[in-house]
């Protein structure tokens, strides 16, 4: 599956951004979906994941209570609502997908990444 992420940008600390992931011309049905991020000089980090069809969600401790992952199985999109942003959330965010297992930093399919910059 080909993934396309959008919605990154700049925000001030305490602000919000919404990321979206789509599969142009394709489907996300039956895929576990998630978001992975990579901050400058750091390794990739799991952020949030959602099962098919969306009954189970999990989050990194660092974003729990601030970020919400959701999926629209008709539009074939997966969104990440990010609230109460912190400067340490600054990173390139990647949409990722996998079959048969939850998304992790070794997911099978990746989008191109979208940059999120949070200023203090």
C-alpha atoms as a PDB file:
ATOM      1  CA  UNK A   1       0.000   0.000   0.000  1.00  0.00           C
ATOM      2  CA  UNK A   2       1.213   3.513  -0.808  1.00  0.00           C
ATOM      3  CA  UNK A   3       0.716   6.047   1.945  1.00  0.00           C
ATOM      4  CA  UNK A   4       0.563   9.812   1.773  1.00  0.00           C
ATOM      5  CA  UNK A   5       0.780  11.961   4.874  1.00  0.00           C
ATOM      6  CA  UNK A   6      -0.298  15.566   5.132  1.00  0.00           C
ATOM      7  CA  UNK A   7      -1.095  18.228   7.690  1.00  0.00           C
ATOM      8  CA  UNK A   8       2.285  18.976   9.192  1.00  0.00           C
ATOM      9  CA  UNK A   9       3.399  22.502   9.867  1.00  0.00           C
ATOM     10  CA  UNK A  10       4.315  24.875  12.625  1.00  0.00           C
ATOM     11  CA  UNK A  11       2.568  25.427  15.914  1.00  0.00           C
ATOM     12  CA  UNK A  12       3.286  27.127  19.188  1.00  0.00           C
ATOM     13  CA  UNK A  13       3.610  25.182  22.387  1.00  0.00           C
ATOM     14  CA  UNK A  14       0.131  24.400  23.651  1.00  0.00           C
ATOM     15  CA  UNK A  15      -1.305  24.506  20.179  1.00  0.00           C
ATOM     16  CA  UNK A  16      -2.807  21.823  17.967  1.00  0.00           C
ATOM     17  CA  UNK A  17      -2.210  20.203  14.627  1.00  0.00           C
ATOM     18  CA  UNK A  18      -3.969  17.422  12.770  1.00  0.00           C
ATOM     19  CA  UNK A  19      -2.137  14.975  10.552  1.00  0.00           C
ATOM     20  CA  UNK A  20      -3.852  12.833   7.970  1.00  0.00           C
ATOM     21  CA  UNK A  21      -2.763   9.729   6.095  1.00  0.00           C
ATOM     22  CA  UNK A  22      -4.383   8.454   2.929  1.00  0.00           C
ATOM     23  CA  UNK A  23      -3.823   5.690   0.425  1.00  0.00           C
ATOM     24  CA  UNK A  24      -4.398   7.387  -2.924  1.00  0.00           C
ATOM     25  CA  UNK A  25      -6.256   5.028  -5.197  1.00  0.00           C
ATOM     26  CA  UNK A  26      -6.001   2.256  -2.653  1.00  0.00           C
ATOM     27  CA  UNK A  27      -7.440   0.979   0.568  1.00  0.00           C
ATOM     28  CA  UNK A  28      -6.392   0.812   4.189  1.00  0.00           C
ATOM     29  CA  UNK A  29      -8.799  -1.982   4.936  1.00  0.00           C
ATOM     30  CA  UNK A  30      -7.378  -4.753   7.080  1.00  0.00           C
ATOM     31  CA  UNK A  31      -4.184  -2.841   7.807  1.00  0.00           C
ATOM     32  CA  UNK A  32      -2.963  -1.924  11.221  1.00  0.00           C
ATOM     33  CA  UNK A  33      -2.131   1.778  10.977  1.00  0.00           C
ATOM     34  CA  UNK A  34      -0.003   4.108  13.004  1.00  0.00           C
ATOM     35  CA  UNK A  35       2.272   7.086  13.290  1.00  0.00           C
ATOM     36  CA  UNK A  36       5.989   7.018  13.890  1.00  0.00           C
ATOM     37  CA  UNK A  37       8.134  10.100  14.387  1.00  0.00           C
ATOM     38  CA  UNK A  38      11.796  10.939  14.152  1.00  0.00           C
ATOM     39  CA  UNK A  39      13.235  13.988  15.834  1.00  0.00           C
ATOM     40  CA  UNK A  40      16.526  15.518  14.663  1.00  0.00           C
ATOM     41  CA  UNK A  41      19.439  13.385  15.788  1.00  0.00           C
ATOM     42  CA  UNK A  42      17.198  10.752  17.358  1.00  0.00           C
ATOM     43  CA  UNK A  43      15.926   7.335  16.412  1.00  0.00           C
ATOM     44  CA  UNK A  44      12.454   6.688  15.151  1.00  0.00           C
ATOM     45  CA  UNK A  45       9.848   6.527  17.891  1.00  0.00           C
ATOM     46  CA  UNK A  46       6.408   4.940  17.919  1.00  0.00           C
ATOM     47  CA  UNK A  47       3.697   7.534  18.535  1.00  0.00           C
ATOM     48  CA  UNK A  48       0.272   5.937  18.109  1.00  0.00           C
ATOM     49  CA  UNK A  49      -1.343   2.907  16.546  1.00  0.00           C
ATOM     50  CA  UNK A  50      -4.817   1.736  15.639  1.00  0.00           C
ATOM     51  CA  UNK A  51      -6.090  -1.692  14.739  1.00  0.00           C
ATOM     52  CA  UNK A  52      -8.449  -2.744  11.967  1.00  0.00           C
ATOM     53  CA  UNK A  53     -11.259  -1.685  12.007  1.00  0.00           C
ATOM     54  CA  UNK A  54     -10.301   0.687  14.814  1.00  0.00           C
ATOM     55  CA  UNK A  55     -11.375  -0.991  18.027  1.00  0.00           C
ATOM     56  CA  UNK A  56      -7.947  -0.887  19.645  1.00  0.00           C
ATOM     57  CA  UNK A  57      -5.632   2.076  19.986  1.00  0.00           C
ATOM     58  CA  UNK A  58      -2.320   2.491  21.721  1.00  0.00           C
ATOM     59  CA  UNK A  59      -0.087   5.437  22.384  1.00  0.00           C
ATOM     60  CA  UNK A  60       3.433   6.231  23.450  1.00  0.00           C
ATOM     61  CA  UNK A  61       3.540   7.367  27.047  1.00  0.00           C
ATOM     62  CA  UNK A  62       4.898  10.732  25.948  1.00  0.00           C
ATOM     63  CA  UNK A  63       1.759  11.571  23.939  1.00  0.00           C
ATOM     64  CA  UNK A  64      -0.971   9.768  25.863  1.00  0.00           C
ATOM     65  CA  UNK A  65      -3.776  12.136  26.753  1.00  0.00           C
ATOM     66  CA  UNK A  66      -2.634  14.708  24.192  1.00  0.00           C
ATOM     67  CA  UNK A  67      -2.772  12.848  20.865  1.00  0.00           C
ATOM     68  CA  UNK A  68      -5.695  10.915  19.409  1.00  0.00           C
ATOM     69  CA  UNK A  69      -5.518   8.502  16.508  1.00  0.00           C
ATOM     70  CA  UNK A  70      -8.585   7.675  14.453  1.00  0.00           C
ATOM     71  CA  UNK A  71      -9.463   6.084  11.158  1.00  0.00           C
ATOM     72  CA  UNK A  72     -12.222   6.509   8.602  1.00  0.00           C
ATOM     73  CA  UNK A  73     -12.741   3.198   6.877  1.00  0.00           C
ATOM     74  CA  UNK A  74     -14.962   4.685   4.189  1.00  0.00           C
ATOM     75  CA  UNK A  75     -12.567   7.442   3.176  1.00  0.00           C
ATOM     76  CA  UNK A  76      -9.527   5.222   3.869  1.00  0.00           C
ATOM     77  CA  UNK A  77      -7.780   7.764   6.010  1.00  0.00           C
ATOM     78  CA  UNK A  78      -6.050   7.729   9.357  1.00  0.00           C
ATOM     79  CA  UNK A  79      -5.744  10.932  11.362  1.00  0.00           C
ATOM     80  CA  UNK A  80      -3.622  12.002  14.291  1.00  0.00           C
ATOM     81  CA  UNK A  81      -5.064  14.853  16.320  1.00  0.00           C
ATOM     82  CA  UNK A  82      -2.266  16.477  18.300  1.00  0.00           C
ATOM     83  CA  UNK A  83      -3.181  18.805  21.155  1.00  0.00           C
ATOM     84  CA  UNK A  84      -1.176  20.526  23.871  1.00  0.00           C
ATOM     85  CA  UNK A  85       1.857  20.360  21.653  1.00  0.00           C
ATOM     86  CA  UNK A  86       5.304  20.627  23.192  1.00  0.00           C
ATOM     87  CA  UNK A  87       8.621  21.597  21.607  1.00  0.00           C
ATOM     88  CA  UNK A  88       9.760  18.006  22.105  1.00  0.00           C
ATOM     89  CA  UNK A  89       7.022  16.907  19.704  1.00  0.00           C
ATOM     90  CA  UNK A  90       9.038  18.489  16.904  1.00  0.00           C
ATOM     91  CA  UNK A  91       9.839  15.736  14.413  1.00  0.00           C
ATOM     92  CA  UNK A  92       9.097  14.277  11.046  1.00  0.00           C
ATOM     93  CA  UNK A  93       5.940  12.228  11.411  1.00  0.00           C
ATOM     94  CA  UNK A  94       5.500   9.144   9.286  1.00  0.00           C
ATOM     95  CA  UNK A  95       2.318   7.297   8.566  1.00  0.00           C
ATOM     96  CA  UNK A  96       2.926   3.557   8.632  1.00  0.00           C
ATOM     97  CA  UNK A  97       0.966   0.390   7.995  1.00  0.00           C
ATOM     98  CA  UNK A  98       1.332  -3.281   8.614  1.00  0.00           C
ATOM     99  CA  UNK A  99      -0.641  -6.459   8.168  1.00  0.00           C
ATOM    100  CA  UNK A 100      -1.039  -9.013  10.861  1.00  0.00           C
ATOM    101  CA  UNK A 101       0.607  -7.027  13.613  1.00  0.00           C
ATOM    102  CA  UNK A 102       0.436  -3.567  15.168  1.00  0.00           C
ATOM    103  CA  UNK A 103       2.529  -0.814  13.673  1.00  0.00           C
ATOM    104  CA  UNK A 104       5.984  -0.372  15.129  1.00  0.00           C
ATOM    105  CA  UNK A 105       9.226   1.243  14.032  1.00  0.00           C
ATOM    106  CA  UNK A 106       9.755  -1.780  11.783  1.00  0.00           C
ATOM    107  CA  UNK A 107       6.445  -1.471   9.970  1.00  0.00           C
ATOM    108  CA  UNK A 108       6.221  -2.823   6.448  1.00  0.00           C
ATOM    109  CA  UNK A 109       4.772   0.232   4.709  1.00  0.00           C
ATOM    110  CA  UNK A 110       5.690   3.893   5.116  1.00  0.00           C
ATOM    111  CA  UNK A 111       4.536   7.245   3.854  1.00  0.00           C
ATOM    112  CA  UNK A 112       6.890  10.078   2.969  1.00  0.00           C
ATOM    113  CA  UNK A 113       6.720  11.905   6.293  1.00  0.00           C
ATOM    114  CA  UNK A 114       5.459  15.318   7.239  1.00  0.00           C
ATOM    115  CA  UNK A 115       7.338  17.832   9.367  1.00  0.00           C
ATOM    116  CA  UNK A 116       5.880  19.126  12.612  1.00  0.00           C
ATOM    117  CA  UNK A 117       7.663  22.014  14.299  1.00  0.00           C
ATOM    118  CA  UNK A 118       6.587  23.245  17.707  1.00  0.00           C
ATOM    119  CA  UNK A 119       8.040  26.481  19.022  1.00  0.00           C
ATOM    120  CA  UNK A 120       8.219  27.452  22.662  1.00  0.00           C
END
